[in-house]
Amino acid sequence: THPYPLDADRIREDTEYMCNVIGPRVAGTAKETEACDWLQEQLEGMGFSETNGTLERTAFEGYPGVHSENLIATCNPEHDGPIFCIMAHYDTVETTPGARDNTASVATLLELARYLGTEQEDLNAQVRLLFLGSEENGYHGATDYVENLTPEENLRHLAAYNMENTSAKPAPDAVLITGTIGGRREEGYLDGGYLEFVDNAASESFSWAFERYYRGETFPHIVGNSDHVSFHEGGIDAVNVSWRHLNDKGRPTIPPEYHKPTDTPEGL
């Protein structure tokens, strides 16, 4: 039983639209812009808007001459307490429509926006839903977001959850990893060493929720290679949540469809 009423059919429909109608969305291309336009249209249909302070679209330059955009939908924009971020990148590499990486997660983030809406009285926090561009060529969307936070905003960020290959149906042998490379402790922010997993508020809270609602265990792992890295570098607790396969040495590996033409909605 799912704890919240998210519509799986609508998540699939949105995934199929982005993959099959828009197609591959390489950073800095017209297709990436088309995807951002479509996402903004969906969010505005839910009541998010620049006028009421719940929607922001920001342009940035990643690689020199390569321009992309972030789209930020905010629930409880007037709340001055803790900030939590949930993020998913909507760009892809040129070789794939990116159903697992990362369209299904983007569609899930859209569905979460529908569920939360612009105001959630029972939620004593501000929630920012980050639709990030330009992840595949270096986490530029996440970096732009973190670098433009005020010092006060940075301190209010308690946790950031990165959805990366999170929403696709897992293979029978898959494990759900909580990947981090650092976290806050009493003595300050700690970076994870090569063989040292540093748990933090984001990974701890996610693992607790997964165990409580789904009776499952997560697989702690030291991993970079996605937007959560930019949050770690900014001193914000973050976790990368991703389905992975275990190899013969018990180490998580990426799905076989990763960055390939076979990463389609039909395979989800």
Protein backbone atom coordinates (compact mmCIF):
# COMPACT_ATOMS: atom_id res chain seq x y z
CA THR A 1 0.00 0.00 0.00
CA HIS A 2 1.42 3.35 -1.01
CA PRO A 3 1.39 5.94 1.80
CA TYR A 4 0.44 8.80 -0.55
CA PRO A 5 -2.02 8.96 -3.47
CA LEU A 6 0.39 9.40 -6.39
CA ASP A 7 -1.03 8.39 -9.79
CA ALA A 8 1.23 5.79 -11.43
CA ASP A 9 -0.70 5.93 -14.71
CA ARG A 10 -0.15 9.68 -14.97
CA ILE A 11 3.54 9.25 -14.17
CA ARG A 12 3.80 6.77 -17.06
CA GLU A 13 1.89 9.08 -19.41
CA ASP A 14 4.21 11.99 -18.63
CA THR A 15 7.25 9.73 -19.03
CA GLU A 16 6.02 8.54 -22.41
CA TYR A 17 5.35 12.09 -23.57
CA MET A 18 8.81 13.35 -22.69
CA CYS A 19 10.52 10.30 -24.18
CA ASN A 20 8.42 9.68 -27.27
CA VAL A 21 7.18 13.13 -28.25
CA ILE A 22 9.99 15.41 -27.11
CA GLY A 23 12.73 12.78 -27.28
CA PRO A 24 16.42 13.16 -26.31
CA ARG A 25 17.06 16.45 -24.51
CA VAL A 26 20.73 17.35 -24.69
CA ALA A 27 21.86 20.31 -22.58
CA GLY A 28 21.78 23.58 -24.49
CA THR A 29 19.58 22.32 -27.33
CA ALA A 30 16.11 23.30 -28.49
CA LYS A 31 14.79 19.96 -27.20
CA GLU A 32 15.96 20.73 -23.66
CA THR A 33 14.19 24.09 -23.90
CA GLU A 34 11.05 22.39 -25.25
CA ALA A 35 11.06 20.07 -22.26
CA CYS A 36 11.40 22.99 -19.84
CA ASP A 37 8.54 24.79 -21.62
CA TRP A 38 6.34 21.70 -21.27
CA LEU A 39 7.22 21.21 -17.61
CA GLN A 40 6.43 24.85 -16.89
CA GLU A 41 3.06 24.47 -18.65
CA GLN A 42 2.21 21.45 -16.49
CA LEU A 43 3.19 23.22 -13.28
CA GLU A 44 1.26 26.36 -14.16
CA GLY A 45 -1.79 24.15 -14.73
CA MET A 46 -1.43 23.06 -11.08
CA GLY A 47 -1.39 26.65 -9.81
CA PHE A 48 2.34 27.27 -9.59
CA SER A 49 3.32 30.64 -11.04
CA GLU A 50 5.87 33.41 -10.88
CA THR A 51 3.09 35.77 -9.80
CA ASN A 52 2.41 34.00 -6.49
CA GLY A 53 6.08 33.23 -5.87
CA THR A 54 5.78 29.48 -6.31
CA LEU A 55 7.52 29.06 -9.68
CA GLU A 56 10.89 30.30 -10.87
CA ARG A 57 12.66 29.67 -14.16
CA THR A 58 16.34 30.57 -14.21
CA ALA A 59 18.85 30.47 -17.05
CA PHE A 60 22.51 29.66 -16.58
CA GLU A 61 25.62 28.86 -18.56
CA GLY A 62 27.19 25.45 -17.93
CA TYR A 63 29.98 24.75 -20.39
CA PRO A 64 31.08 27.99 -22.07
CA GLY A 65 28.44 28.85 -24.63
CA VAL A 66 26.03 26.12 -23.47
CA HIS A 67 22.92 27.62 -21.88
CA SER A 68 20.31 25.66 -19.92
CA GLU A 69 17.53 26.37 -17.45
CA ASN A 70 16.26 25.25 -14.06
CA LEU A 71 12.62 25.23 -13.07
CA ILE A 72 11.81 25.53 -9.35
CA ALA A 73 8.33 24.85 -7.97
CA THR A 74 7.88 25.77 -4.30
CA CYS A 75 5.32 24.55 -1.79
CA ASN A 76 4.79 26.94 1.16
CA PRO A 77 6.90 29.79 -0.28
CA GLU A 78 6.18 32.08 2.69
CA HIS A 79 7.42 29.55 5.26
CA ASP A 80 10.60 30.87 6.89
CA GLY A 81 11.72 27.62 8.51
CA PRO A 82 13.45 24.51 7.15
CA ILE A 83 13.84 23.97 3.41
CA PHE A 84 13.82 20.54 1.81
CA CYS A 85 14.68 19.97 -1.85
CA ILE A 86 13.64 17.10 -4.09
CA MET A 87 15.31 17.16 -7.49
CA ALA A 88 15.44 15.40 -10.82
CA HIS A 89 17.30 16.40 -13.98
CA TYR A 90 15.29 16.56 -17.20
CA ASP A 91 18.15 16.56 -19.74
CA THR A 92 19.55 13.42 -21.38
CA VAL A 93 22.56 12.40 -23.42
CA GLU A 94 22.05 12.40 -27.20
CA THR A 95 21.97 8.60 -27.53
CA THR A 96 18.77 7.97 -25.56
CA PRO A 97 15.28 9.21 -24.68
CA GLY A 98 16.32 8.51 -21.08
CA ALA A 99 13.29 6.78 -19.58
CA ARG A 100 15.22 5.56 -16.53
CA ASP A 101 17.81 8.32 -16.67
CA ASN A 102 15.94 10.38 -15.76
CA THR A 103 12.51 10.93 -17.27
CA ALA A 104 10.50 8.69 -14.95
CA SER A 105 11.93 10.57 -11.97
CA VAL A 106 10.98 13.90 -13.56
CA ALA A 107 7.45 12.60 -14.11
CA THR A 108 7.31 11.49 -10.48
CA LEU A 109 8.44 14.94 -9.38
CA LEU A 110 5.58 16.40 -11.44
CA GLU A 111 3.14 14.08 -9.71
CA LEU A 112 4.56 15.10 -6.33
CA ALA A 113 3.94 18.74 -7.32
CA ARG A 114 0.30 17.85 -8.03
CA TYR A 115 0.01 16.19 -4.63
CA LEU A 116 1.67 18.96 -2.61
CA GLY A 117 0.31 21.97 -4.47
CA THR A 118 1.45 25.48 -3.67
CA GLU A 119 0.37 25.33 -0.02
CA GLN A 120 0.39 22.41 2.43
CA GLU A 121 -0.79 23.53 5.86
CA ASP A 122 0.17 20.29 7.59
CA LEU A 123 3.74 20.58 6.38
CA ASN A 124 5.89 22.68 8.71
CA ALA A 125 8.56 23.42 6.11
CA GLN A 126 9.18 24.80 2.67
CA VAL A 127 9.60 22.21 -0.09
CA ARG A 128 11.36 23.07 -3.33
CA LEU A 129 10.93 20.78 -6.31
CA LEU A 130 13.92 21.26 -8.59
CA PHE A 131 13.64 20.36 -12.28
CA LEU A 132 17.30 20.70 -13.21
CA GLY A 133 18.94 21.12 -16.59
CA SER A 134 22.44 20.26 -17.75
CA GLU A 135 23.18 17.36 -15.39
CA GLU A 136 24.66 15.02 -17.95
CA ASN A 137 27.55 17.33 -18.81
CA GLY A 138 28.59 18.21 -15.27
CA TYR A 139 25.78 18.95 -12.74
CA HIS A 140 25.63 22.55 -13.91
CA GLY A 141 21.97 23.08 -13.01
CA ALA A 142 22.48 21.93 -9.43
CA THR A 143 25.65 23.98 -9.13
CA ASP A 144 23.87 27.11 -10.34
CA TYR A 145 21.08 26.57 -7.82
CA VAL A 146 23.42 26.08 -4.85
CA GLU A 147 25.75 28.94 -5.79
CA ASN A 148 22.84 31.39 -5.95
CA LEU A 149 21.49 30.61 -2.49
CA THR A 150 21.90 33.32 0.10
CA PRO A 151 23.87 32.33 3.23
CA GLU A 152 20.58 32.33 5.16
CA GLU A 153 18.90 30.06 2.61
CA ASN A 154 21.87 27.70 2.63
CA LEU A 155 21.62 27.24 6.39
CA ARG A 156 17.87 26.59 6.15
CA HIS A 157 18.42 23.69 3.73
CA LEU A 158 18.20 20.61 5.95
CA ALA A 159 18.24 17.95 3.24
CA ALA A 160 18.21 17.49 -0.52
CA TYR A 161 17.01 14.30 -2.22
CA ASN A 162 18.30 13.54 -5.70
CA MET A 163 16.09 11.25 -7.79
CA GLU A 164 18.38 9.50 -10.27
CA ASN A 165 17.10 6.29 -11.88
CA THR A 166 14.72 6.22 -8.93
CA SER A 167 11.25 5.78 -10.36
CA ALA A 168 11.65 2.97 -12.89
CA LYS A 169 10.52 -0.50 -11.94
CA PRO A 170 13.57 -2.23 -10.45
CA ALA A 171 14.96 -5.53 -11.67
CA PRO A 172 14.50 -8.51 -9.31
CA ASP A 173 18.12 -8.32 -8.18
CA ALA A 174 18.19 -4.53 -7.79
CA VAL A 175 18.99 -2.66 -4.58
CA LEU A 176 17.98 0.89 -3.71
CA ILE A 177 21.12 2.79 -2.85
CA THR A 178 21.48 5.89 -0.71
CA GLY A 179 24.61 7.46 -2.12
CA THR A 180 26.46 10.19 -0.24
CA ILE A 181 29.92 11.68 -0.18
CA GLY A 182 29.61 13.69 3.00
CA GLY A 183 27.39 15.15 5.69
CA ARG A 184 27.06 17.43 8.69
CA ARG A 185 28.37 16.41 12.07
CA GLU A 186 28.95 18.29 15.32
CA GLU A 187 32.51 19.08 14.27
CA GLY A 188 31.41 20.44 10.90
CA TYR A 189 30.76 19.17 7.43
CA LEU A 190 32.67 15.96 6.63
CA ASP A 191 33.66 14.68 3.21
CA GLY A 192 33.43 10.97 2.58
CA GLY A 193 36.72 9.21 2.05
CA TYR A 194 37.38 6.64 -0.66
CA LEU A 195 36.21 3.77 1.55
CA GLU A 196 34.20 5.74 4.10
CA PHE A 197 30.44 6.18 3.85
CA VAL A 198 29.34 9.35 5.66
CA ASP A 199 25.66 9.17 6.58
CA ASN A 200 23.72 12.41 6.85
CA ALA A 201 20.24 13.80 7.48
CA ALA A 202 19.12 13.15 3.90
CA SER A 203 20.22 9.52 3.71
CA GLU A 204 19.08 8.74 7.26
CA SER A 205 15.59 10.18 6.74
CA PHE A 206 15.14 8.50 3.38
CA SER A 207 16.22 5.11 4.70
CA TRP A 208 13.88 5.48 7.68
CA ALA A 209 10.92 6.30 5.40
CA PHE A 210 11.66 3.44 2.99
CA GLU A 211 11.85 0.95 5.84
CA ARG A 212 8.70 2.27 7.50
CA TYR A 213 6.46 2.40 4.44
CA TYR A 214 7.86 -0.36 2.25
CA ARG A 215 9.57 -2.66 4.79
CA GLY A 216 12.68 -2.48 2.67
CA GLU A 217 16.33 -1.79 3.34
CA THR A 218 18.50 0.66 1.45
CA PHE A 219 22.09 0.05 0.44
CA PRO A 220 24.47 2.77 1.74
CA HIS A 221 27.10 3.57 -0.86
CA ILE A 222 29.75 6.18 -1.59
CA VAL A 223 28.78 7.66 -4.93
CA GLY A 224 29.10 10.93 -6.80
CA ASN A 225 28.23 11.36 -10.48
CA SER A 226 25.01 13.34 -10.13
CA ASP A 227 23.41 16.57 -8.94
CA HIS A 228 23.71 15.78 -5.22
CA VAL A 229 27.45 16.42 -5.54
CA SER A 230 26.83 20.16 -5.93
CA PHE A 231 24.83 20.21 -2.69
CA HIS A 232 27.60 18.38 -0.83
CA GLU A 233 30.12 20.89 -2.12
CA GLY A 234 27.84 23.64 -0.79
CA GLY A 235 27.73 22.02 2.66
CA ILE A 236 24.13 20.81 2.36
CA ASP A 237 23.19 17.26 3.36
CA ALA A 238 22.12 15.40 0.23
CA VAL A 239 21.53 11.86 -0.95
CA ASN A 240 21.42 10.21 -4.35
CA VAL A 241 18.57 7.68 -4.49
CA SER A 242 18.98 5.16 -7.30
CA TRP A 243 18.14 1.57 -8.22
CA ARG A 244 21.34 -0.32 -8.99
CA HIS A 245 22.40 -3.89 -9.74
CA LEU A 246 24.89 -5.76 -7.56
CA ASN A 247 27.84 -7.23 -9.43
CA ASP A 248 29.61 -10.49 -8.49
CA LYS A 249 31.67 -8.58 -5.93
CA GLY A 250 28.58 -7.15 -4.23
CA ARG A 251 29.13 -3.63 -5.56
CA PRO A 252 26.28 -1.57 -7.05
CA THR A 253 26.50 -1.03 -10.81
CA ILE A 254 24.43 1.04 -13.22
CA PRO A 255 21.51 -0.56 -15.14
CA PRO A 256 22.38 -2.04 -18.55
CA GLU A 257 20.11 0.49 -20.33
CA TYR A 258 22.15 3.43 -19.01
CA HIS A 259 22.74 6.03 -21.76
CA LYS A 260 21.60 3.64 -24.49
CA PRO A 261 18.80 3.80 -27.11
CA THR A 262 17.14 0.93 -25.23
CA ASP A 263 16.32 3.20 -22.28
CA THR A 264 12.70 3.60 -23.38
CA PRO A 265 9.34 3.69 -21.55
CA GLU A 266 8.56 0.23 -22.89
CA GLY A 267 11.40 -1.14 -20.76
CA LEU A 268 10.12 0.34 -17.50
